[in-house]
Protein backbone atom coordinates (compact mmCIF):
# COMPACT_ATOMS: atom_id res chain seq x y z
CA UNK A 1 122.65 12.78 206.20
CA UNK A 2 121.18 16.30 205.45
CA UNK A 3 121.58 18.05 208.59
CA UNK A 4 118.23 20.24 207.31
CA UNK A 5 116.68 16.75 206.65
CA UNK A 6 117.25 15.44 210.17
CA UNK A 7 115.89 18.63 211.98
CA UNK A 8 112.77 18.35 209.81
CA UNK A 9 112.50 14.53 210.45
CA UNK A 10 112.81 15.14 214.40
CA UNK A 11 110.07 17.84 213.97
CA UNK A 12 107.72 15.68 211.58
CA UNK A 13 105.06 15.33 214.61
CA UNK A 14 104.86 19.31 215.04
CA UNK A 15 104.89 20.00 211.36
CA UNK A 16 102.12 17.89 210.97
CA UNK A 17 100.37 19.87 213.77
CA UNK A 18 100.86 23.12 212.17
CA UNK A 19 99.40 21.54 209.26
CA UNK A 20 96.44 20.21 210.60
CA UNK A 21 95.92 23.85 212.15
CA UNK A 22 96.28 25.25 209.18
CA UNK A 23 93.64 23.05 207.30
CA UNK A 24 91.41 23.08 209.75
CA UNK A 25 90.93 26.87 209.16
CA UNK A 26 88.87 26.43 206.45
CA UNK A 27 89.16 29.04 203.89
CA UNK A 28 86.99 29.29 200.73
CA UNK A 29 88.06 31.91 198.14
CA UNK A 30 84.83 33.73 198.50
CA UNK A 31 84.11 33.65 201.99
CA UNK A 32 86.63 36.89 203.26
CA UNK A 33 85.62 36.53 206.87
CA UNK A 34 86.73 32.52 206.61
CA UNK A 35 89.79 33.27 204.84
CA UNK A 36 91.02 36.26 206.79
CA UNK A 37 90.55 33.56 210.17
CA UNK A 38 92.58 31.39 208.17
CA UNK A 39 95.38 34.21 207.63
CA UNK A 40 95.22 35.31 211.21
CA UNK A 41 96.29 31.22 212.06
CA UNK A 42 99.26 31.86 209.32
CA UNK A 43 100.43 34.85 211.25
CA UNK A 44 100.15 33.15 214.49
CA UNK A 45 102.28 30.00 212.96
CA UNK A 46 104.94 32.40 211.16
CA UNK A 47 105.58 34.29 214.48
CA UNK A 48 105.71 31.23 216.60
CA UNK A 49 107.93 29.42 214.41
CA UNK A 50 110.19 31.98 212.40
CA UNK A 51 109.74 34.80 214.89
CA UNK A 52 108.27 37.47 212.27
CA UNK A 53 105.31 39.29 211.70
CA UNK A 54 103.34 39.95 208.59
CA UNK A 55 102.95 43.09 206.58
CA UNK A 56 99.04 42.68 205.47
CA UNK A 57 97.48 44.05 202.14
CA UNK A 58 93.67 44.69 203.03
CA UNK A 59 91.45 43.24 200.47
CA UNK A 60 87.53 44.88 200.51
CA UNK A 61 86.23 41.44 199.01
CA UNK A 62 88.48 38.71 199.10
CA UNK A 63 91.00 37.82 202.28
CA UNK A 64 93.76 39.93 202.97
CA UNK A 65 97.08 39.11 201.61
CA UNK A 66 100.06 38.44 203.98
CA UNK A 67 104.09 39.22 203.20
CA UNK A 68 106.84 38.27 205.79
CA UNK A 69 110.21 38.69 205.47
CA UNK A 70 113.28 37.11 207.03
CA UNK A 71 116.63 38.62 207.12
CA UNK A 72 118.10 42.12 206.22
CA UNK A 73 120.17 41.21 202.92
CA UNK A 74 119.47 43.67 200.13
CA UNK A 75 118.67 40.73 197.61
CA UNK A 76 115.78 38.49 197.86
CA UNK A 77 114.38 35.24 197.09
CA UNK A 78 110.43 35.12 196.79
CA UNK A 79 108.69 32.20 198.23
CA UNK A 80 104.93 32.45 196.79
CA UNK A 81 101.69 30.30 197.55
CA UNK A 82 98.00 30.89 198.40
CA UNK A 83 95.72 30.01 201.41
CA UNK A 84 92.36 30.24 200.05
CA UNK A 85 90.72 26.76 198.53
CA UNK A 86 87.84 25.53 196.44
CA UNK A 87 86.00 24.00 199.26
CA UNK A 88 83.16 25.33 200.85
CA UNK A 89 83.13 25.34 204.59
CA UNK A 90 82.32 21.69 206.33
CA UNK A 91 82.43 20.26 202.59
CA UNK A 92 85.48 18.15 203.87
CA UNK A 93 87.13 17.58 207.31
CA UNK A 94 90.86 17.06 208.37
CA UNK A 95 91.75 13.12 209.00
CA UNK A 96 94.96 10.97 208.92
CA UNK A 97 94.49 7.35 207.30
CA UNK A 98 97.34 5.49 207.88
CA UNK A 99 100.00 7.29 205.72
CA UNK A 100 98.25 9.96 204.45
CA UNK A 101 96.48 13.05 205.89
CA UNK A 102 93.31 14.35 203.98
CA UNK A 103 91.33 17.96 204.36
CA UNK A 104 90.27 20.49 202.50
CA UNK A 105 93.27 22.43 200.48
CA UNK A 106 95.63 20.19 202.15
CA UNK A 107 97.56 19.41 198.73
CA UNK A 108 96.21 22.48 197.05
CA UNK A 109 98.46 23.87 199.07
CA UNK A 110 98.27 24.32 202.92
CA UNK A 111 100.71 21.55 202.80
CA UNK A 112 103.47 23.54 200.87
CA UNK A 113 102.89 26.40 203.05
CA UNK A 114 103.42 24.89 206.09
CA UNK A 115 106.53 22.90 204.52
CA UNK A 116 108.21 26.42 203.44
CA UNK A 117 107.81 27.87 206.67
CA UNK A 118 109.44 24.75 208.63
CA UNK A 119 112.42 24.80 205.76
CA UNK A 120 112.96 28.24 206.83
CA UNK A 121 112.46 28.05 210.62
CA UNK A 122 115.34 24.90 210.15
CA UNK A 123 117.54 27.36 208.75
CA UNK A 124 117.17 29.62 211.14
CA UNK A 125 117.69 27.17 214.22
CA UNK A 126 120.48 25.43 212.69
CA UNK A 127 122.17 28.85 212.28
CA UNK A 128 122.92 28.63 208.73
CA UNK A 129 124.27 32.02 207.27
CA UNK A 130 122.19 33.70 204.65
CA UNK A 131 123.32 36.83 202.14
CA UNK A 132 119.69 36.89 200.75
CA UNK A 133 116.51 38.08 201.95
CA UNK A 134 113.77 35.59 202.12
CA UNK A 135 110.24 37.00 201.54
CA UNK A 136 106.91 35.08 201.76
CA UNK A 137 103.86 36.55 199.68
CA UNK A 138 100.94 34.29 200.61
CA UNK A 139 97.71 35.31 198.96
CA UNK A 140 93.81 34.85 198.77
CA UNK A 141 92.48 34.68 195.48
CA UNK A 142 95.04 32.31 193.33
CA UNK A 143 91.52 29.75 193.12
CA UNK A 144 89.89 32.73 191.11
CA UNK A 145 92.43 34.03 189.10
CA UNK A 146 94.26 36.03 191.66
CA UNK A 147 92.45 39.44 190.14
CA UNK A 148 93.64 41.52 193.17
CA UNK A 149 97.12 39.95 194.05
CA UNK A 150 98.60 39.74 190.40
CA UNK A 151 99.97 43.48 190.79
CA UNK A 152 101.54 42.61 194.25
CA UNK A 153 103.05 39.57 192.93
CA UNK A 154 104.62 40.99 189.96
CA UNK A 155 105.96 43.87 192.02
CA UNK A 156 107.49 41.93 194.82
CA UNK A 157 108.93 39.45 192.02
CA UNK A 158 110.58 42.45 190.15
CA UNK A 159 112.50 43.06 193.63
CA UNK A 160 113.69 39.18 193.58
CA UNK A 161 116.42 37.24 192.02
CA UNK A 162 114.62 33.93 192.08
CA UNK A 163 110.74 32.70 192.61
CA UNK A 164 110.14 29.37 194.41
CA UNK A 165 106.68 28.63 194.26
CA UNK A 166 105.12 26.09 196.84
CA UNK A 167 102.05 24.64 195.06
CA UNK A 168 102.16 20.70 194.56
CA UNK A 169 104.21 18.85 192.57
CA UNK A 170 102.62 16.80 189.89
CA UNK A 171 100.74 13.87 191.43
CA UNK A 172 101.97 10.47 190.93
CA UNK A 173 105.31 11.57 189.42
CA UNK A 174 106.08 14.21 192.21
CA UNK A 175 107.84 16.34 189.26
CA UNK A 176 108.95 19.70 189.29
CA UNK A 177 106.85 22.52 187.33
CA UNK A 178 108.88 24.09 184.87
CA UNK A 179 106.45 25.11 182.60
CA UNK A 180 102.84 25.63 182.92
CA UNK A 181 100.27 26.64 180.08
CA UNK A 182 98.79 30.14 180.06
CA UNK A 183 94.99 30.46 180.84
CA UNK A 184 92.85 32.73 178.90
CA UNK A 185 88.32 32.92 179.86
CA UNK A 186 85.99 34.55 177.49
CA UNK A 187 82.39 35.22 177.52
CA UNK A 188 80.95 35.33 174.11
CA UNK A 189 77.19 37.01 173.77
CA UNK A 190 75.17 36.11 170.94
CA UNK A 191 72.34 38.27 169.51
CA UNK A 192 69.63 36.68 167.68
CA UNK A 193 65.81 38.21 167.16
CA UNK A 194 62.81 36.66 168.62
CA UNK A 195 59.97 35.23 166.79
CA UNK A 196 56.82 32.86 167.55
CA UNK A 197 58.55 29.32 167.11
CA UNK A 198 55.19 27.80 165.58
CA UNK A 199 53.66 31.08 163.29
CA UNK A 200 56.48 33.27 162.50
CA UNK A 201 59.76 31.31 162.85
CA UNK A 202 61.12 32.25 159.28
CA UNK A 203 61.13 35.97 161.09
CA UNK A 204 63.07 34.65 163.62
CA UNK A 205 67.22 34.60 163.84
CA UNK A 206 67.79 32.00 166.47
CA UNK A 207 70.87 33.07 168.83
CA UNK A 208 70.67 29.25 170.03
CA UNK A 209 71.84 27.87 166.35
CA UNK A 210 74.51 30.74 166.11
CA UNK A 211 75.80 29.49 169.54
CA UNK A 212 75.91 25.77 168.39
CA UNK A 213 77.78 26.97 165.14
CA UNK A 214 80.38 28.74 167.23
CA UNK A 215 80.90 26.30 169.63
CA UNK A 216 81.91 23.85 166.58
CA UNK A 217 84.08 26.50 165.21
CA UNK A 218 85.66 27.07 168.80
CA UNK A 219 86.27 23.39 169.37
CA UNK A 220 88.28 23.08 166.13
CA UNK A 221 90.50 25.57 167.33
CA UNK A 222 91.95 22.96 169.96
CA UNK A 223 95.53 21.83 168.81
CA UNK A 224 97.18 19.35 171.18
CA UNK A 225 100.51 19.20 168.67
CA UNK A 226 101.22 23.12 169.95
CA UNK A 227 99.53 22.82 173.52
CA UNK A 228 96.09 24.72 172.95
CA UNK A 229 93.09 23.58 174.26
CA UNK A 230 89.64 25.25 174.04
CA UNK A 231 86.92 24.46 175.57
CA UNK A 232 82.84 25.89 175.62
CA UNK A 233 82.37 24.58 179.14
CA UNK A 234 79.09 26.97 179.88
CA UNK A 235 76.23 27.48 177.16
CA UNK A 236 72.95 29.07 177.80
CA UNK A 237 70.29 30.58 175.68
CA UNK A 238 66.98 31.64 175.04
CA UNK A 239 63.75 31.89 177.08
CA UNK A 240 60.63 30.17 176.22
CA UNK A 241 60.36 26.59 174.54
CA UNK A 242 57.74 28.37 171.77
CA UNK A 243 60.30 31.57 170.88
CA UNK A 244 63.06 31.66 168.37
CA UNK A 245 65.83 32.36 171.17
CA UNK A 246 67.07 36.30 170.98
CA UNK A 247 70.19 35.45 173.68
CA UNK A 248 72.87 33.14 173.96
CA UNK A 249 76.04 32.91 175.81
CA UNK A 250 79.22 31.10 175.77
CA UNK A 251 81.96 30.82 178.48
CA UNK A 252 84.80 29.88 176.92
CA UNK A 253 88.37 28.57 178.74
CA UNK A 254 91.52 28.29 176.58
CA UNK A 255 94.94 27.25 177.56
CA UNK A 256 98.29 27.93 175.47
CA UNK A 257 101.71 26.59 175.96
CA UNK A 258 103.42 30.10 174.34
CA UNK A 259 102.69 33.61 174.50
CA UNK A 260 102.64 33.68 170.71
CA UNK A 261 99.56 31.34 170.55
CA UNK A 262 98.52 32.91 173.11
CA UNK A 263 98.02 36.40 171.08
CA UNK A 264 96.82 34.39 168.28
CA UNK A 265 93.99 32.99 169.92
CA UNK A 266 93.04 36.06 171.52
CA UNK A 267 92.88 37.82 168.40
CA UNK A 268 90.56 34.78 166.67
CA UNK A 269 88.20 34.58 169.87
CA UNK A 270 87.60 38.36 169.74
CA UNK A 271 86.95 38.54 166.20
CA UNK A 272 84.34 35.73 165.87
CA UNK A 273 82.07 35.79 162.83
CA UNK A 274 78.30 35.15 162.93
CA UNK A 275 77.11 32.23 160.86
CA UNK A 276 73.67 33.46 160.33
CA UNK A 277 72.90 36.33 158.64
CA UNK A 278 71.25 39.38 161.03
CA UNK A 279 73.08 37.80 164.21
CA UNK A 280 75.63 39.79 166.14
CA UNK A 281 78.55 38.46 168.44
CA UNK A 282 80.05 40.42 171.06
CA UNK A 283 83.23 39.07 173.13
CA UNK A 284 85.01 39.76 176.36
CA UNK A 285 87.63 38.78 178.08
CA UNK A 286 91.52 37.70 177.38
CA UNK A 287 94.64 35.99 178.81
CA UNK A 288 94.57 36.15 182.77
CA UNK A 289 97.55 34.26 183.13
CA UNK A 290 100.33 34.04 180.63
CA UNK A 291 101.90 30.72 179.95
CA UNK A 292 105.13 30.12 182.26
CA UNK A 293 107.50 28.80 179.23
CA UNK A 294 110.40 26.87 180.45
CA UNK A 295 113.51 29.07 180.20
CA UNK A 296 117.19 28.48 180.26
CA UNK A 297 117.10 30.46 183.86
CA UNK A 298 114.46 27.96 184.91
CA UNK A 299 116.52 25.33 183.68
CA UNK A 300 119.34 26.03 185.60
CA UNK A 301 116.99 26.61 188.51
CA UNK A 302 116.05 22.77 188.36
CA UNK A 303 119.26 21.53 188.07
CA UNK A 304 120.19 23.44 191.38
CA UNK A 305 116.89 21.49 192.84
CA UNK A 306 118.00 18.41 191.49
CA UNK A 307 121.28 18.26 192.80
CA UNK A 308 119.92 19.25 196.27
CA UNK A 309 117.27 16.02 195.80
CA UNK A 310 120.36 13.83 194.97
CA UNK A 311 121.84 14.80 198.16
CA UNK A 312 118.55 13.41 199.81
CA UNK A 313 118.12 10.44 197.92
CA UNK A 314 115.40 11.69 195.60
CA UNK A 315 115.75 11.98 192.25
CA UNK A 316 113.70 14.99 190.50
CA UNK A 317 111.98 15.35 187.31
CA UNK A 318 110.48 18.13 185.44
CA UNK A 319 107.30 18.85 183.73
CA UNK A 320 104.98 21.08 181.97
CA UNK A 321 101.39 21.30 182.96
CA UNK A 322 98.19 22.58 181.79
CA UNK A 323 97.19 24.07 184.94
CA UNK A 324 97.88 27.81 185.93
CA UNK A 325 99.56 29.16 189.08
CA UNK A 326 100.75 32.75 190.21
CA UNK A 327 104.03 31.39 188.97
CA UNK A 328 102.61 31.76 185.32
CA UNK A 329 103.04 35.72 186.58
CA UNK A 330 106.65 35.70 187.60
CA UNK A 331 108.13 33.84 184.74
CA UNK A 332 106.50 36.11 182.27
CA UNK A 333 108.38 38.85 183.78
CA UNK A 334 111.67 37.12 182.88
CA UNK A 335 112.17 36.19 186.85
CA UNK A 336 113.55 32.87 186.87
CA UNK A 337 110.92 30.77 188.59
CA UNK A 338 110.50 27.23 189.81
CA UNK A 339 107.01 25.55 190.88
CA UNK A 340 106.00 22.65 192.30
CA UNK A 341 108.17 22.50 195.45
CA UNK A 342 105.26 21.93 197.61
CA UNK A 343 103.58 18.77 199.40
CA UNK A 344 103.68 15.22 197.70
CA UNK A 345 100.19 13.86 197.43
CA UNK A 346 97.12 13.64 195.45
CA UNK A 347 93.55 15.05 194.75
CA UNK A 348 93.92 18.44 194.02
CA UNK A 349 90.40 19.94 193.72
CA UNK A 350 88.84 16.35 194.70
CA UNK A 351 87.22 15.00 197.65
CA UNK A 352 90.31 12.69 198.20
CA UNK A 353 92.69 15.30 198.55
CA UNK A 354 95.84 14.02 200.76
CA UNK A 355 99.42 14.60 201.53
CA UNK A 356 101.81 11.85 202.21
CA UNK A 357 102.72 12.58 205.99
CA UNK A 358 106.44 10.87 205.53
CA UNK A 359 106.99 12.95 202.50
CA UNK A 360 106.35 16.34 204.46
CA UNK A 361 109.95 16.71 205.94
CA UNK A 362 111.62 15.57 202.95
CA UNK A 363 110.15 17.95 200.73
CA UNK A 364 110.60 21.26 203.52
CA UNK A 365 114.44 19.68 203.45
CA UNK A 366 114.28 19.87 199.69
CA UNK A 367 113.03 23.35 199.75
CA UNK A 368 115.42 24.19 202.18
CA UNK A 369 118.64 23.04 200.55
CA UNK A 370 117.81 24.81 197.46
CA UNK A 371 117.33 28.12 199.58
CA UNK A 372 120.82 27.33 200.74
CA UNK A 373 122.22 27.32 197.78
CA UNK A 374 120.88 30.00 196.45
CA UNK A 375 121.16 32.16 199.14
CA UNK A 376 124.86 31.47 199.82
CA UNK A 377 125.77 31.66 196.24
CA UNK A 378 127.90 35.07 195.47
C-alpha cells in the first residue's frame, strides 16, 4: 500500500472539507470581485496546508492570478489549473448525495486544485525528499480563453521540465489527456446593400443571403477524418423585416487536431470569398489555443503516470479530446505536458457537475506519486 495513499485516505474528510470551502467561494470568470475572494480562500488554504504564500499577478478586469512555490531546487515541476468557473453566483450550490459531491466548478476544476494541494502536503508531511521545486500557477480566465494568463503560463512553462495539468480526466473512462484539439474563434462580418424589400429588392444585396452561403461553406470544412470541426455557432443580420439586409455577422468556432491544419484553416477562413456580386466580407480572429499534439515526451510522461497508477491498483488509459486547456499552450512550446490529472467525476459545464468523493484521495495519491517519480530522478 502506498504511504501517500494511506496518508491521503486518512485525510479524506479534511480534503473534502477544503473542497467544499473552495466550491462555496463561487467564482464566475466575469465577476472579478467574486473570483478574487475565491483566490483569497485558495491563499489561506495553501498557507494552512503547505505553509506557502502566494505571489499575486494583479489583473484589472479578471481575477488576480496566483503563483505558489514549494522547495528551492533549480529545476522545477509546474502544476497548472484555473479557479474561474462558467457558473453565475447562486445558480448551483454545494451538496453531497451518496458518494458524490456536487457544486459549481467542483469537477472543472476545483477538485483537481484541492487534490494537487493535498498531494504536495502529503509529500511534505511524510518527509519525502525532492530535488525539484514544485510551482503552482493558478489562473482566473481559462474559461474565457486565457487572454491575460497565457503569457504568464508560457513564461513559467519555459522554466519547467514538465507541466502537470489538474483539469479533470475524461468523464466515464477517467482517461488522462495526452492530446487536445486546438481552438480557433473567428468573427465574419458581411456588408451588403439596403433596399426596400417590396419596391426595390433588385437594387439590394442581401447580407443575410450571403451569410447563408458562407455558413454552408464553413460547414463543409468539417472533416472528422483529420479532426477538424467548424461550427457557425452564432449568426445574425438585418435590421427590419421590410429591408434587404445590409449587415450580417457570423461567429465561428474551429477545432483542429494538428497545427498544420490550424494554419490551413486560418488561411481559408480569412480569405472567404463572397458569392453575391457586390457583397463584402471581413474576418477577424484566429487560433487562440494551439493543438496539444501527442508527442514522444508526453508518451513517456503518461507511461510514468501509468506505472504510478499500477502501484495504486488503478489502470490508466489516455485519450485525445476536443476541448482545450492551458496545457495546449505549454505542449505547443515543446514542454512535456500531461493533462487530466484532476478529480474523477462528470458534468463539466452542466448542472449535474460532480466528483466521486472516494476517488479524491486516490487521484491525489496518483499525482503525488508522479511528482515523486519526477522529482527524485536525476
